[in-house]
Every structure is written in structure tokens, then in C-alpha cells.
């Protein structure tokens, strides 16, 4: 018997205000507008749990979330790359005197510059519905900013949210990069039918509570060397860490095994099994025994190899139970 076909989910109609302004999502900017009022309200409450907070919104779009934020926050500075959208949102929401809509690329400015332009100042929460291709750079900028937000609440692709959250045996370069600066938590999932037009992927809202200081007992000037080691460790995620370090640092097997033992890390571990504290211990041992290797940081190396461009959902599978360990 032929398999019964599942009915296609209904495509939501755009809200009246979108029809009125005649806005069309731009594929080149990865625009998918969140139009579910209940979810918009839930995100706004996650950004402003007490009410009266200052919020820096990244990617305001046509202003659906902006309006919900303005109903709760004490001050909202909304940044939108698309000048036409920024202008229409500014006009539509002009009744909110504590809202400033800025047409700008958030990657061109520091958060405190954008806040100042909008007549606001820290402390603040950063939030937004982030296009898939720019999630990682924006999250990193927010977490490394000085002064940084107290909280980051973003709507991203579900798999990216899971990757940021990590967990025992499921860490990634992205999760470790985030957990140095804050504590991530997936709040809830968002179906594709909550958007107009609906994307092909599912989404999720994740919150990152930022630490007052990085979770590393290292001088600020050594943090890049620390991440150099972490990036090297994740260079071949399906291999055991002793093999990866042997390859990446051109060390012999015996010295690498000695490094791992001194750091209290099992020789059979993969990078996904290590927490921030494990990487910090390994960094300390590497610095004592092979300092020259950590000093050889290439000036033109990419800021982070764990970008969304090479994202692979297979990385979420815990291969330790169903694949033989490499030797």
C-alpha cells in the first residue's frame, strides 16, 4: 500500500501591518519575520523578566519583537541593517518615546556605541532574531564586548542553539567559546510555521547569562592562546584527542599522552567530552611543557573555525558509543 502523504502545514498569513507597508523579506539578508504573537511575547519576557530593562535589539526587521519589547522595557535601541525596514519600523512605532530605531550594521559598531546613539547606557540585555549565516559572529561580539550585556537572548536555528548549549559529551568549539563568557540555556523551540515566510528549518530561543568575568584564571592576553589550543583540539572532532594534538602540534605520541595524563584527561577522550575547566588545565600543562607551540599563533588565522558556514548536524551525534575508538 502506498504511504499516506502528510498534509502540508499551513503557511501563515502575514500580519496586517506587513501587508500595509508592502514589505518583502530579502533572501540575501536571510530575512524570515517572526509573526507569532505568543512567541514574540515570550521572547520579550525572556529579555525583560523584571520589566524596565534596557534592551539592544539586533535585527529589528519590521518591528514585531521591537513592539513587544517596547511594551516591557524601559529603553529599547533597535538596530536594523535594511534601511527601508528601519524607516518603516521607526514610523510605525513612533508612539513609543523610549524606542530608538537605528539603521546600521551591528558588526560595524561596538554595542556601547549603538546604545549611546540610541540614548541608552549599560546595563543592558542583547536580543534578536538572527539569520543563520551571522549567528556566531554576532553572539561572539556580544559576549566579548566591554561593557557586555548582562544577558543575551537570541532566536536561532534549533541545531545551532543545541550546539551553543552543548552538554556532557556534546560540547563543540562554539559551546566552549560561549561558556568561557556565560551560561547558555535553550529556553524553547519555535516551529517554522511561526515565521513569514516559513524557513525550511526549525528554530529555538537560547539565553546566555553573561559572567562578570571570563571563566578562566588566565590573564586577558592569554585568552587567544587558550582558544588557539581549543580550536586545534576540535580540528578533527571524530578523532581521539591524543591523535588530534599529535597531528596539530606535530608532537610525538608519548609526549602527548603525558600531557593529557598530567592534565587529568583520559587518553581516549575526544574534544566533545572536555569542559572549559579541562581545556584550561590542558592549556596550563601545554604552557609549562611546550610554550613555543602556543606562541606560534598565526596572525592571519580565522577568528573562529566553528562558523555556521561549515555547520554539520552530524556533529550532534555522540559517536563514542557507536563507533570504534581510533588508535
C-alpha atoms as a PDB file:
ATOM      1  CA  UNK A   1       0.000   0.000   0.000  1.00  0.00           C
ATOM      2  CA  UNK A   2       1.328   3.458  -0.830  1.00  0.00           C
ATOM      3  CA  UNK A   3       2.373   5.513   2.154  1.00  0.00           C
ATOM      4  CA  UNK A   4      -0.147   8.165   3.179  1.00  0.00           C
ATOM      5  CA  UNK A   5       1.139  11.648   2.487  1.00  0.00           C
ATOM      6  CA  UNK A   6       1.303  14.044   5.406  1.00  0.00           C
ATOM      7  CA  UNK A   7      -0.712  17.201   4.882  1.00  0.00           C
ATOM      8  CA  UNK A   8       1.467  20.218   4.258  1.00  0.00           C
ATOM      9  CA  UNK A   9       1.474  22.664   7.188  1.00  0.00           C
ATOM     10  CA  UNK A  10      -0.494  25.802   6.572  1.00  0.00           C
ATOM     11  CA  UNK A  11       1.594  28.810   5.604  1.00  0.00           C
ATOM     12  CA  UNK A  12       0.679  31.667   7.944  1.00  0.00           C
ATOM     13  CA  UNK A  13      -0.726  34.868   6.544  1.00  0.00           C
ATOM     14  CA  UNK A  14       1.447  37.914   7.211  1.00  0.00           C
ATOM     15  CA  UNK A  15       0.103  40.383   9.797  1.00  0.00           C
ATOM     16  CA  UNK A  16      -1.911  43.334   8.555  1.00  0.00           C
ATOM     17  CA  UNK A  17       0.896  45.821   9.192  1.00  0.00           C
ATOM     18  CA  UNK A  18       3.248  43.858   6.920  1.00  0.00           C
ATOM     19  CA  UNK A  19       0.655  43.828   4.153  1.00  0.00           C
ATOM     20  CA  UNK A  20       0.067  47.543   4.655  1.00  0.00           C
ATOM     21  CA  UNK A  21       3.710  48.565   4.331  1.00  0.00           C
ATOM     22  CA  UNK A  22       4.228  46.085   1.482  1.00  0.00           C
ATOM     23  CA  UNK A  23       7.407  44.673   2.957  1.00  0.00           C
ATOM     24  CA  UNK A  24       9.024  41.732   1.209  1.00  0.00           C
ATOM     25  CA  UNK A  25      11.661  39.630   3.024  1.00  0.00           C
ATOM     26  CA  UNK A  26      15.062  39.848   1.356  1.00  0.00           C
ATOM     27  CA  UNK A  27      16.600  36.447   0.776  1.00  0.00           C
ATOM     28  CA  UNK A  28      20.085  37.967   0.556  1.00  0.00           C
ATOM     29  CA  UNK A  29      19.772  39.054   4.199  1.00  0.00           C
ATOM     30  CA  UNK A  30      18.265  35.756   5.366  1.00  0.00           C
ATOM     31  CA  UNK A  31      15.051  37.505   6.406  1.00  0.00           C
ATOM     32  CA  UNK A  32      12.266  35.390   7.883  1.00  0.00           C
ATOM     33  CA  UNK A  33       9.952  37.513  10.018  1.00  0.00           C
ATOM     34  CA  UNK A  34       8.654  36.014  13.255  1.00  0.00           C
ATOM     35  CA  UNK A  35       4.919  36.771  13.317  1.00  0.00           C
ATOM     36  CA  UNK A  36       3.540  34.526  16.091  1.00  0.00           C
ATOM     37  CA  UNK A  37       2.382  36.993  18.750  1.00  0.00           C
ATOM     38  CA  UNK A  38       2.595  34.487  21.607  1.00  0.00           C
ATOM     39  CA  UNK A  39       6.207  33.601  20.789  1.00  0.00           C
ATOM     40  CA  UNK A  40       7.125  37.258  20.305  1.00  0.00           C
ATOM     41  CA  UNK A  41       5.720  37.972  23.762  1.00  0.00           C
ATOM     42  CA  UNK A  42       7.604  35.019  25.269  1.00  0.00           C
ATOM     43  CA  UNK A  43      10.906  36.276  23.838  1.00  0.00           C
ATOM     44  CA  UNK A  44      10.240  39.781  25.134  1.00  0.00           C
ATOM     45  CA  UNK A  45       9.550  38.409  28.621  1.00  0.00           C
ATOM     46  CA  UNK A  46      12.807  36.419  28.486  1.00  0.00           C
ATOM     47  CA  UNK A  47      14.617  39.681  27.693  1.00  0.00           C
ATOM     48  CA  UNK A  48      12.766  41.719  30.315  1.00  0.00           C
ATOM     49  CA  UNK A  49      11.855  39.381  33.187  1.00  0.00           C
ATOM     50  CA  UNK A  50      11.571  42.265  35.665  1.00  0.00           C
ATOM     51  CA  UNK A  51      10.323  44.968  33.309  1.00  0.00           C
ATOM     52  CA  UNK A  52      12.021  48.292  32.752  1.00  0.00           C
ATOM     53  CA  UNK A  53      15.305  46.877  31.421  1.00  0.00           C
ATOM     54  CA  UNK A  54      17.386  48.450  28.655  1.00  0.00           C
ATOM     55  CA  UNK A  55      17.442  46.263  25.525  1.00  0.00           C
ATOM     56  CA  UNK A  56      19.678  46.341  22.458  1.00  0.00           C
ATOM     57  CA  UNK A  57      17.746  44.549  19.695  1.00  0.00           C
ATOM     58  CA  UNK A  58      19.776  43.157  16.804  1.00  0.00           C
ATOM     59  CA  UNK A  59      17.905  42.891  13.517  1.00  0.00           C
ATOM     60  CA  UNK A  60      14.632  44.649  14.279  1.00  0.00           C
ATOM     61  CA  UNK A  61      13.108  43.815  10.894  1.00  0.00           C
ATOM     62  CA  UNK A  62       9.529  45.087  10.563  1.00  0.00           C
ATOM     63  CA  UNK A  63       9.317  45.521  14.333  1.00  0.00           C
ATOM     64  CA  UNK A  64       7.248  42.590  15.604  1.00  0.00           C
ATOM     65  CA  UNK A  65       9.597  41.824  18.501  1.00  0.00           C
ATOM     66  CA  UNK A  66      10.503  45.507  18.814  1.00  0.00           C
ATOM     67  CA  UNK A  67       6.908  46.348  19.681  1.00  0.00           C
ATOM     68  CA  UNK A  68       6.698  43.616  22.326  1.00  0.00           C
ATOM     69  CA  UNK A  69       9.992  44.788  23.826  1.00  0.00           C
ATOM     70  CA  UNK A  70       8.782  48.386  23.895  1.00  0.00           C
ATOM     71  CA  UNK A  71       5.764  47.266  25.918  1.00  0.00           C
ATOM     72  CA  UNK A  72       8.040  45.893  28.652  1.00  0.00           C
ATOM     73  CA  UNK A  73      11.444  47.581  28.532  1.00  0.00           C
ATOM     74  CA  UNK A  74      12.494  50.904  29.982  1.00  0.00           C
ATOM     75  CA  UNK A  75      14.543  51.689  26.875  1.00  0.00           C
ATOM     76  CA  UNK A  76      14.896  49.901  23.518  1.00  0.00           C
ATOM     77  CA  UNK A  77      17.604  50.551  20.945  1.00  0.00           C
ATOM     78  CA  UNK A  78      16.684  48.545  17.840  1.00  0.00           C
ATOM     79  CA  UNK A  79      19.291  48.088  15.103  1.00  0.00           C
ATOM     80  CA  UNK A  80      18.309  47.089  11.568  1.00  0.00           C
ATOM     81  CA  UNK A  81      20.629  46.688   8.567  1.00  0.00           C
ATOM     82  CA  UNK A  82      17.863  47.217   5.985  1.00  0.00           C
ATOM     83  CA  UNK A  83      17.350  50.999   5.845  1.00  0.00           C
ATOM     84  CA  UNK A  84      13.874  50.693   4.318  1.00  0.00           C
ATOM     85  CA  UNK A  85      12.733  48.358   7.085  1.00  0.00           C
ATOM     86  CA  UNK A  86      14.309  50.558   9.741  1.00  0.00           C
ATOM     87  CA  UNK A  87      12.443  53.586   8.412  1.00  0.00           C
ATOM     88  CA  UNK A  88       9.070  51.809   8.278  1.00  0.00           C
ATOM     89  CA  UNK A  89       9.513  50.342  11.771  1.00  0.00           C
ATOM     90  CA  UNK A  90      10.539  53.732  13.128  1.00  0.00           C
ATOM     91  CA  UNK A  91       7.417  55.310  11.655  1.00  0.00           C
ATOM     92  CA  UNK A  92       5.042  52.510  12.715  1.00  0.00           C
ATOM     93  CA  UNK A  93       6.256  52.509  16.323  1.00  0.00           C
ATOM     94  CA  UNK A  94       6.821  56.241  16.754  1.00  0.00           C
ATOM     95  CA  UNK A  95       4.325  56.291  19.629  1.00  0.00           C
ATOM     96  CA  UNK A  96       6.981  54.675  21.851  1.00  0.00           C
ATOM     97  CA  UNK A  97       9.103  57.587  23.020  1.00  0.00           C
ATOM     98  CA  UNK A  98      11.598  55.275  24.756  1.00  0.00           C
ATOM     99  CA  UNK A  99      12.372  53.454  21.483  1.00  0.00           C
ATOM    100  CA  UNK A 100      15.118  54.390  19.018  1.00  0.00           C
ATOM    101  CA  UNK A 101      15.429  52.536  15.684  1.00  0.00           C
ATOM    102  CA  UNK A 102      18.881  52.803  14.097  1.00  0.00           C
ATOM    103  CA  UNK A 103      19.745  51.811  10.524  1.00  0.00           C
ATOM    104  CA  UNK A 104      23.204  50.242  10.864  1.00  0.00           C
ATOM    105  CA  UNK A 105      25.235  47.067  10.569  1.00  0.00           C
ATOM    106  CA  UNK A 106      25.690  45.804  14.121  1.00  0.00           C
ATOM    107  CA  UNK A 107      29.067  44.313  13.163  1.00  0.00           C
ATOM    108  CA  UNK A 108      30.432  47.783  12.338  1.00  0.00           C
ATOM    109  CA  UNK A 109      29.961  49.189  15.846  1.00  0.00           C
ATOM    110  CA  UNK A 110      30.572  48.259  19.447  1.00  0.00           C
ATOM    111  CA  UNK A 111      27.396  47.715  21.481  1.00  0.00           C
ATOM    112  CA  UNK A 112      28.096  50.731  23.714  1.00  0.00           C
ATOM    113  CA  UNK A 113      28.317  52.939  20.593  1.00  0.00           C
ATOM    114  CA  UNK A 114      24.893  51.742  19.436  1.00  0.00           C
ATOM    115  CA  UNK A 115      23.421  52.238  22.902  1.00  0.00           C
ATOM    116  CA  UNK A 116      24.835  55.759  23.075  1.00  0.00           C
ATOM    117  CA  UNK A 117      23.415  56.552  19.620  1.00  0.00           C
ATOM    118  CA  UNK A 118      20.019  55.446  20.929  1.00  0.00           C
ATOM    119  CA  UNK A 119      20.231  57.486  24.123  1.00  0.00           C
ATOM    120  CA  UNK A 120      20.814  54.457  26.370  1.00  0.00           C
ATOM    121  CA  UNK A 121      23.600  53.065  28.523  1.00  0.00           C
ATOM    122  CA  UNK A 122      24.514  49.800  30.327  1.00  0.00           C
ATOM    123  CA  UNK A 123      23.415  47.619  31.984  1.00  0.00           C
ATOM    124  CA  UNK A 124      21.502  46.076  29.103  1.00  0.00           C
ATOM    125  CA  UNK A 125      20.217  42.885  27.507  1.00  0.00           C
ATOM    126  CA  UNK A 126      21.014  41.999  23.891  1.00  0.00           C
ATOM    127  CA  UNK A 127      18.439  40.121  21.843  1.00  0.00           C
ATOM    128  CA  UNK A 128      17.381  39.368  18.304  1.00  0.00           C
ATOM    129  CA  UNK A 129      16.153  37.004  15.625  1.00  0.00           C
ATOM    130  CA  UNK A 130      19.488  36.205  13.993  1.00  0.00           C
ATOM    131  CA  UNK A 131      19.942  34.984  10.419  1.00  0.00           C
ATOM    132  CA  UNK A 132      21.665  31.610  10.301  1.00  0.00           C
ATOM    133  CA  UNK A 133      24.768  32.820   8.495  1.00  0.00           C
ATOM    134  CA  UNK A 134      25.663  35.509  11.049  1.00  0.00           C
ATOM    135  CA  UNK A 135      24.674  33.910  14.363  1.00  0.00           C
ATOM    136  CA  UNK A 136      28.163  33.003  15.542  1.00  0.00           C
ATOM    137  CA  UNK A 137      29.909  36.328  14.811  1.00  0.00           C
ATOM    138  CA  UNK A 138      27.160  38.370  16.484  1.00  0.00           C
ATOM    139  CA  UNK A 139      26.980  36.169  19.590  1.00  0.00           C
ATOM    140  CA  UNK A 140      30.748  36.312  19.926  1.00  0.00           C
ATOM    141  CA  UNK A 141      30.775  40.098  19.540  1.00  0.00           C
ATOM    142  CA  UNK A 142      28.131  40.485  22.242  1.00  0.00           C
ATOM    143  CA  UNK A 143      29.946  38.201  24.681  1.00  0.00           C
ATOM    144  CA  UNK A 144      33.364  39.782  24.169  1.00  0.00           C
ATOM    145  CA  UNK A 145      32.091  43.379  24.224  1.00  0.00           C
ATOM    146  CA  UNK A 146      33.125  45.741  27.003  1.00  0.00           C
ATOM    147  CA  UNK A 147      30.793  46.539  28.574  1.00  0.00           C
ATOM    148  CA  UNK A 148      28.895  43.436  27.551  1.00  0.00           C
ATOM    149  CA  UNK A 149      25.208  42.656  28.038  1.00  0.00           C
ATOM    150  CA  UNK A 150      24.086  41.014  31.239  1.00  0.00           C
ATOM    151  CA  UNK A 151      22.037  38.586  29.164  1.00  0.00           C
ATOM    152  CA  UNK A 152      21.868  37.569  25.518  1.00  0.00           C
ATOM    153  CA  UNK A 153      18.548  36.181  24.231  1.00  0.00           C
ATOM    154  CA  UNK A 154      18.550  35.109  20.593  1.00  0.00           C
ATOM    155  CA  UNK A 155      16.338  33.176  18.223  1.00  0.00           C
ATOM    156  CA  UNK A 156      18.498  30.921  16.057  1.00  0.00           C
ATOM    157  CA  UNK A 157      18.328  27.681  14.109  1.00  0.00           C
ATOM    158  CA  UNK A 158      17.477  24.856  16.513  1.00  0.00           C
ATOM    159  CA  UNK A 159      20.647  22.885  15.797  1.00  0.00           C
ATOM    160  CA  UNK A 160      22.776  25.974  16.389  1.00  0.00           C
ATOM    161  CA  UNK A 161      21.014  26.540  19.720  1.00  0.00           C
ATOM    162  CA  UNK A 162      21.751  22.946  20.701  1.00  0.00           C
ATOM    163  CA  UNK A 163      25.335  23.365  19.629  1.00  0.00           C
ATOM    164  CA  UNK A 164      25.716  26.519  21.724  1.00  0.00           C
ATOM    165  CA  UNK A 165      24.204  24.782  24.760  1.00  0.00           C
ATOM    166  CA  UNK A 166      26.427  21.707  24.412  1.00  0.00           C
ATOM    167  CA  UNK A 167      26.362  19.350  27.385  1.00  0.00           C
ATOM    168  CA  UNK A 168      28.237  16.289  28.700  1.00  0.00           C
ATOM    169  CA  UNK A 169      29.856  14.530  25.746  1.00  0.00           C
ATOM    170  CA  UNK A 170      28.315  17.008  23.291  1.00  0.00           C
ATOM    171  CA  UNK A 171      30.483  20.096  23.550  1.00  0.00           C
ATOM    172  CA  UNK A 172      31.616  21.973  20.444  1.00  0.00           C
ATOM    173  CA  UNK A 173      34.038  24.743  19.710  1.00  0.00           C
ATOM    174  CA  UNK A 174      31.025  27.063  19.703  1.00  0.00           C
ATOM    175  CA  UNK A 175      29.741  25.898  23.108  1.00  0.00           C
ATOM    176  CA  UNK A 176      33.181  26.185  24.720  1.00  0.00           C
ATOM    177  CA  UNK A 177      33.622  29.656  23.190  1.00  0.00           C
ATOM    178  CA  UNK A 178      30.308  30.708  24.730  1.00  0.00           C
ATOM    179  CA  UNK A 179      30.827  29.008  28.100  1.00  0.00           C
ATOM    180  CA  UNK A 180      34.038  30.931  28.702  1.00  0.00           C
ATOM    181  CA  UNK A 181      31.872  34.065  28.876  1.00  0.00           C
ATOM    182  CA  UNK A 182      28.469  32.906  30.046  1.00  0.00           C
ATOM    183  CA  UNK A 183      25.996  30.127  30.838  1.00  0.00           C
ATOM    184  CA  UNK A 184      23.806  29.138  27.839  1.00  0.00           C
ATOM    185  CA  UNK A 185      20.367  27.562  28.118  1.00  0.00           C
ATOM    186  CA  UNK A 186      17.802  26.621  25.457  1.00  0.00           C
ATOM    187  CA  UNK A 187      14.511  28.200  26.517  1.00  0.00           C
ATOM    188  CA  UNK A 188      12.037  26.816  23.962  1.00  0.00           C
ATOM    189  CA  UNK A 189      11.702  25.696  20.358  1.00  0.00           C
ATOM    190  CA  UNK A 190       9.925  27.652  17.635  1.00  0.00           C
ATOM    191  CA  UNK A 191       8.256  25.907  14.663  1.00  0.00           C
ATOM    192  CA  UNK A 192       8.885  27.151  11.149  1.00  0.00           C
ATOM    193  CA  UNK A 193       5.190  27.993  10.805  1.00  0.00           C
ATOM    194  CA  UNK A 194       5.698  30.880  13.269  1.00  0.00           C
ATOM    195  CA  UNK A 195       7.571  32.789  10.558  1.00  0.00           C
ATOM    196  CA  UNK A 196       6.666  34.557   7.355  1.00  0.00           C
ATOM    197  CA  UNK A 197       7.817  33.237   5.013  1.00  0.00           C
ATOM    198  CA  UNK A 198       8.387  29.903   6.810  1.00  0.00           C
ATOM    199  CA  UNK A 199      12.042  28.785   6.734  1.00  0.00           C
ATOM    200  CA  UNK A 200      12.932  25.184   5.973  1.00  0.00           C
ATOM    201  CA  UNK A 201      14.437  24.688   9.430  1.00  0.00           C
ATOM    202  CA  UNK A 202      13.170  24.670  12.988  1.00  0.00           C
ATOM    203  CA  UNK A 203      14.344  27.361  15.391  1.00  0.00           C
ATOM    204  CA  UNK A 204      14.886  27.785  19.118  1.00  0.00           C
ATOM    205  CA  UNK A 205      15.364  30.602  21.599  1.00  0.00           C
ATOM    206  CA  UNK A 206      18.512  30.460  23.684  1.00  0.00           C
ATOM    207  CA  UNK A 207      19.526  32.641  26.634  1.00  0.00           C
ATOM    208  CA  UNK A 208      23.116  33.228  27.721  1.00  0.00           C
ATOM    209  CA  UNK A 209      23.609  34.661  31.200  1.00  0.00           C
ATOM    210  CA  UNK A 210      26.910  36.505  30.955  1.00  0.00           C
ATOM    211  CA  UNK A 211      29.546  36.075  33.650  1.00  0.00           C
ATOM    212  CA  UNK A 212      31.012  39.147  35.337  1.00  0.00           C
ATOM    213  CA  UNK A 213      34.435  37.939  34.117  1.00  0.00           C
ATOM    214  CA  UNK A 214      35.587  35.115  31.806  1.00  0.00           C
ATOM    215  CA  UNK A 215      35.530  31.650  33.428  1.00  0.00           C
ATOM    216  CA  UNK A 216      39.298  31.327  33.043  1.00  0.00           C
ATOM    217  CA  UNK A 217      42.006  32.005  35.599  1.00  0.00           C
ATOM    218  CA  UNK A 218      44.196  33.458  32.859  1.00  0.00           C
ATOM    219  CA  UNK A 219      45.491  36.932  32.021  1.00  0.00           C
ATOM    220  CA  UNK A 220      43.488  38.621  29.271  1.00  0.00           C
ATOM    221  CA  UNK A 221      46.463  38.471  26.919  1.00  0.00           C
ATOM    222  CA  UNK A 222      46.498  34.643  27.115  1.00  0.00           C
ATOM    223  CA  UNK A 223      42.849  34.052  26.201  1.00  0.00           C
ATOM    224  CA  UNK A 224      43.601  33.999  22.463  1.00  0.00           C
ATOM    225  CA  UNK A 225      46.332  31.402  23.028  1.00  0.00           C
ATOM    226  CA  UNK A 226      43.810  29.368  25.061  1.00  0.00           C
ATOM    227  CA  UNK A 227      41.366  29.433  22.139  1.00  0.00           C
ATOM    228  CA  UNK A 228      44.185  28.512  19.781  1.00  0.00           C
ATOM    229  CA  UNK A 229      44.526  25.266  21.722  1.00  0.00           C
ATOM    230  CA  UNK A 230      40.763  24.673  21.787  1.00  0.00           C
ATOM    231  CA  UNK A 231      40.473  25.250  18.025  1.00  0.00           C
ATOM    232  CA  UNK A 232      43.311  22.802  17.446  1.00  0.00           C
ATOM    233  CA  UNK A 233      41.551  20.244  19.660  1.00  0.00           C
ATOM    234  CA  UNK A 234      38.337  20.482  17.612  1.00  0.00           C
ATOM    235  CA  UNK A 235      40.152  20.407  14.264  1.00  0.00           C
ATOM    236  CA  UNK A 236      39.336  16.687  13.857  1.00  0.00           C
ATOM    237  CA  UNK A 237      36.334  16.116  16.161  1.00  0.00           C
ATOM    238  CA  UNK A 238      35.867  12.433  15.277  1.00  0.00           C
ATOM    239  CA  UNK A 239      39.363  11.546  16.424  1.00  0.00           C
ATOM    240  CA  UNK A 240      40.547  10.928  19.962  1.00  0.00           C
ATOM    241  CA  UNK A 241      42.240  13.980  21.405  1.00  0.00           C
ATOM    242  CA  UNK A 242      45.702  12.423  21.665  1.00  0.00           C
ATOM    243  CA  UNK A 243      45.699  11.798  17.917  1.00  0.00           C
ATOM    244  CA  UNK A 244      44.420  15.299  17.136  1.00  0.00           C
ATOM    245  CA  UNK A 245      47.075  17.005  19.267  1.00  0.00           C
ATOM    246  CA  UNK A 246      49.772  14.805  17.747  1.00  0.00           C
ATOM    247  CA  UNK A 247      48.703  15.955  14.285  1.00  0.00           C
ATOM    248  CA  UNK A 248      48.025  19.612  15.033  1.00  0.00           C
ATOM    249  CA  UNK A 249      51.151  20.303  17.084  1.00  0.00           C
ATOM    250  CA  UNK A 250      53.472  17.801  15.346  1.00  0.00           C
ATOM    251  CA  UNK A 251      54.315  16.143  18.646  1.00  0.00           C
ATOM    252  CA  UNK A 252      55.192  12.525  19.286  1.00  0.00           C
ATOM    253  CA  UNK A 253      52.512  10.231  20.729  1.00  0.00           C
ATOM    254  CA  UNK A 254      54.257   9.622  24.093  1.00  0.00           C
ATOM    255  CA  UNK A 255      54.679  13.332  24.998  1.00  0.00           C
ATOM    256  CA  UNK A 256      51.039  13.991  24.052  1.00  0.00           C
ATOM    257  CA  UNK A 257      49.813  11.141  26.258  1.00  0.00           C
ATOM    258  CA  UNK A 258      51.928  12.569  29.083  1.00  0.00           C
ATOM    259  CA  UNK A 259      50.316  15.982  28.581  1.00  0.00           C
ATOM    260  CA  UNK A 260      46.828  14.537  28.822  1.00  0.00           C
ATOM    261  CA  UNK A 261      47.678  12.472  31.883  1.00  0.00           C
ATOM    262  CA  UNK A 262      49.153  15.456  33.705  1.00  0.00           C
ATOM    263  CA  UNK A 263      46.019  17.461  32.867  1.00  0.00           C
ATOM    264  CA  UNK A 264      43.795  14.666  34.227  1.00  0.00           C
ATOM    265  CA  UNK A 265      42.214  13.922  30.849  1.00  0.00           C
ATOM    266  CA  UNK A 266      41.597  10.366  29.648  1.00  0.00           C
ATOM    267  CA  UNK A 267      43.677   9.406  26.620  1.00  0.00           C
ATOM    268  CA  UNK A 268      40.547   8.123  24.846  1.00  0.00           C
ATOM    269  CA  UNK A 269      38.673  11.450  25.193  1.00  0.00           C
ATOM    270  CA  UNK A 270      37.505  13.409  22.199  1.00  0.00           C
ATOM    271  CA  UNK A 271      37.268  17.193  22.183  1.00  0.00           C
ATOM    272  CA  UNK A 272      33.478  16.996  22.662  1.00  0.00           C
ATOM    273  CA  UNK A 273      33.981  15.374  26.079  1.00  0.00           C
ATOM    274  CA  UNK A 274      36.007  18.255  27.587  1.00  0.00           C
ATOM    275  CA  UNK A 275      34.585  21.139  29.599  1.00  0.00           C
ATOM    276  CA  UNK A 276      36.100  24.624  29.931  1.00  0.00           C
ATOM    277  CA  UNK A 277      37.983  23.606  33.089  1.00  0.00           C
ATOM    278  CA  UNK A 278      39.524  20.619  31.265  1.00  0.00           C
ATOM    279  CA  UNK A 279      40.777  22.851  28.451  1.00  0.00           C
ATOM    280  CA  UNK A 280      42.184  25.298  30.976  1.00  0.00           C
ATOM    281  CA  UNK A 281      44.162  22.530  32.729  1.00  0.00           C
ATOM    282  CA  UNK A 282      45.429  21.255  29.386  1.00  0.00           C
ATOM    283  CA  UNK A 283      46.428  24.778  28.407  1.00  0.00           C
ATOM    284  CA  UNK A 284      48.378  25.148  31.655  1.00  0.00           C
ATOM    285  CA  UNK A 285      50.286  21.922  31.031  1.00  0.00           C
ATOM    286  CA  UNK A 286      50.975  22.863  27.411  1.00  0.00           C
ATOM    287  CA  UNK A 287      52.244  26.265  28.501  1.00  0.00           C
ATOM    288  CA  UNK A 288      54.659  24.704  31.009  1.00  0.00           C
ATOM    289  CA  UNK A 289      55.946  21.922  28.768  1.00  0.00           C
ATOM    290  CA  UNK A 290      55.695  23.336  25.232  1.00  0.00           C
ATOM    291  CA  UNK A 291      55.287  27.140  25.463  1.00  0.00           C
ATOM    292  CA  UNK A 292      56.659  27.728  21.960  1.00  0.00           C
ATOM    293  CA  UNK A 293      53.747  25.790  20.421  1.00  0.00           C
ATOM    294  CA  UNK A 294      51.190  28.130  21.949  1.00  0.00           C
ATOM    295  CA  UNK A 295      53.169  31.202  20.979  1.00  0.00           C
ATOM    296  CA  UNK A 296      53.030  30.166  17.321  1.00  0.00           C
ATOM    297  CA  UNK A 297      49.591  31.696  16.785  1.00  0.00           C
ATOM    298  CA  UNK A 298      49.244  32.716  13.162  1.00  0.00           C
ATOM    299  CA  UNK A 299      48.363  36.372  12.813  1.00  0.00           C
ATOM    300  CA  UNK A 300      46.123  35.661   9.840  1.00  0.00           C
ATOM    301  CA  UNK A 301      44.302  32.674  11.360  1.00  0.00           C
ATOM    302  CA  UNK A 302      40.480  32.886  11.190  1.00  0.00           C
ATOM    303  CA  UNK A 303      38.824  34.210  14.328  1.00  0.00           C
ATOM    304  CA  UNK A 304      36.843  31.030  14.802  1.00  0.00           C
ATOM    305  CA  UNK A 305      36.771  27.918  12.678  1.00  0.00           C
ATOM    306  CA  UNK A 306      33.441  26.837  14.110  1.00  0.00           C
ATOM    307  CA  UNK A 307      31.411  29.060  11.817  1.00  0.00           C
ATOM    308  CA  UNK A 308      27.898  28.494  10.590  1.00  0.00           C
ATOM    309  CA  UNK A 309      29.192  28.035   7.044  1.00  0.00           C
ATOM    310  CA  UNK A 310      30.549  24.586   7.850  1.00  0.00           C
ATOM    311  CA  UNK A 311      27.821  23.575  10.284  1.00  0.00           C
ATOM    312  CA  UNK A 312      27.002  19.888  10.139  1.00  0.00           C
ATOM    313  CA  UNK A 313      24.084  18.406  12.113  1.00  0.00           C
ATOM    314  CA  UNK A 314      26.004  15.117  12.302  1.00  0.00           C
ATOM    315  CA  UNK A 315      28.287  16.780  14.840  1.00  0.00           C
ATOM    316  CA  UNK A 316      25.491  16.377  17.401  1.00  0.00           C
ATOM    317  CA  UNK A 317      25.656  12.611  17.308  1.00  0.00           C
ATOM    318  CA  UNK A 318      27.630  11.090  20.159  1.00  0.00           C
ATOM    319  CA  UNK A 319      29.846   8.768  18.222  1.00  0.00           C
ATOM    320  CA  UNK A 320      31.631   7.415  21.318  1.00  0.00           C
ATOM    321  CA  UNK A 321      29.028   4.687  21.821  1.00  0.00           C
ATOM    322  CA  UNK A 322      28.519   3.519  18.280  1.00  0.00           C
ATOM    323  CA  UNK A 323      31.885   3.987  16.600  1.00  0.00           C
ATOM    324  CA  UNK A 324      35.149   2.229  17.483  1.00  0.00           C
ATOM    325  CA  UNK A 325      37.792   4.413  19.097  1.00  0.00           C
ATOM    326  CA  UNK A 326      40.582   5.401  16.790  1.00  0.00           C
ATOM    327  CA  UNK A 327      44.022   4.278  17.782  1.00  0.00           C
END
